[in-house]
C-alpha cells in the first residue's frame, strides 16, 4: 500500500485542512492526477496521487486538519 502523505508546505506552514477529495474509496486513480484539495491560511492547492492504483483508505475527511508528514490515505 502506498501512503498519501502531506508534504512539506514551505514558509513555516505546518498544517492544512482537507477541503475536498476528488475520488472516493474504491475508485481507480492515476499517478499525478489531482487526488485531494487542501487549504492553508495562505493558499489552496491540489495534492496529486503518488502512484496509480485503487484508493483504498481515506484517514482524514473533508474539514479535518492534517500536519506536515501525516497520512491522508492509502492507494493499493
Protein backbone atom coordinates (compact mmCIF):
# COMPACT_ATOMS: atom_id res chain seq x y z
CA UNK A 1 0.00 0.00 0.00
CA UNK A 2 1.31 3.45 -0.93
CA UNK A 3 0.72 6.12 1.68
CA UNK A 4 -0.69 9.52 0.74
CA UNK A 5 1.41 11.93 2.81
CA UNK A 6 1.01 15.67 3.35
CA UNK A 7 4.35 17.05 2.07
CA UNK A 8 6.31 19.99 3.41
CA UNK A 9 4.41 23.16 2.58
CA UNK A 10 7.28 25.65 2.97
CA UNK A 11 7.25 29.12 4.51
CA UNK A 12 6.77 27.72 8.02
CA UNK A 13 3.32 26.29 7.24
CA UNK A 14 2.81 23.16 9.32
CA UNK A 15 -0.83 22.23 8.71
CA UNK A 16 -3.55 22.17 6.06
CA UNK A 17 -7.27 21.45 6.03
CA UNK A 18 -8.75 18.81 3.73
CA UNK A 19 -11.20 20.69 1.51
CA UNK A 20 -12.30 18.06 -0.98
CA UNK A 21 -11.48 14.51 -2.08
CA UNK A 22 -11.75 14.17 -5.87
CA UNK A 23 -12.23 10.38 -5.54
CA UNK A 24 -13.94 8.02 -3.12
CA UNK A 25 -12.72 4.72 -1.68
CA UNK A 26 -12.62 2.05 -4.39
CA UNK A 27 -12.06 4.50 -7.26
CA UNK A 28 -9.13 3.95 -9.63
CA UNK A 29 -6.66 6.85 -9.72
CA UNK A 30 -3.71 7.58 -11.99
CA UNK A 31 -0.31 8.84 -10.90
CA UNK A 32 -0.13 12.66 -10.73
CA UNK A 33 -3.92 13.02 -11.03
CA UNK A 34 -5.39 15.54 -8.55
CA UNK A 35 -6.40 13.49 -5.52
CA UNK A 36 -7.29 15.89 -2.73
CA UNK A 37 -7.70 19.66 -2.36
CA UNK A 38 -6.08 21.21 0.70
CA UNK A 39 -6.26 24.69 2.19
CA UNK A 40 -3.75 26.54 4.36
CA UNK A 41 -4.07 30.02 5.82
CA UNK A 42 -2.22 31.30 2.72
CA UNK A 43 -3.37 29.18 -0.24
CA UNK A 44 -5.49 26.37 -1.67
CA UNK A 45 -3.73 23.62 -3.62
CA UNK A 46 -4.31 20.14 -5.04
CA UNK A 47 -2.20 17.19 -3.94
CA UNK A 48 -1.53 14.75 -6.80
CA UNK A 49 -1.67 10.99 -6.47
CA UNK A 50 1.79 9.49 -5.72
CA UNK A 51 1.02 6.42 -7.88
CA UNK A 52 -1.63 4.68 -9.96
CA UNK A 53 -3.99 2.23 -8.28
CA UNK A 54 -7.17 1.97 -6.24
CA UNK A 55 -7.92 4.48 -3.48
CA UNK A 56 -8.16 2.04 -0.58
CA UNK A 57 -8.28 4.27 2.51
CA UNK A 58 -9.10 7.84 3.48
CA UNK A 59 -7.96 8.72 7.00
CA UNK A 60 -8.88 12.41 7.06
CA UNK A 61 -12.27 13.59 5.91
CA UNK A 62 -13.24 16.95 4.44
CA UNK A 63 -12.87 19.58 7.15
CA UNK A 64 -10.18 17.66 9.06
CA UNK A 65 -6.78 19.26 9.66
CA UNK A 66 -3.54 17.48 8.78
CA UNK A 67 0.00 18.29 9.87
CA UNK A 68 3.02 18.01 7.55
CA UNK A 69 4.07 14.35 7.29
CA UNK A 70 0.72 12.90 8.33
CA UNK A 71 -1.04 10.20 6.31
CA UNK A 72 -4.15 11.29 4.45
CA UNK A 73 -4.97 7.86 3.00
CA UNK A 74 -3.62 4.92 1.04
CA UNK A 75 -3.55 3.56 -2.52
CA UNK A 76 -3.33 -0.15 -3.39
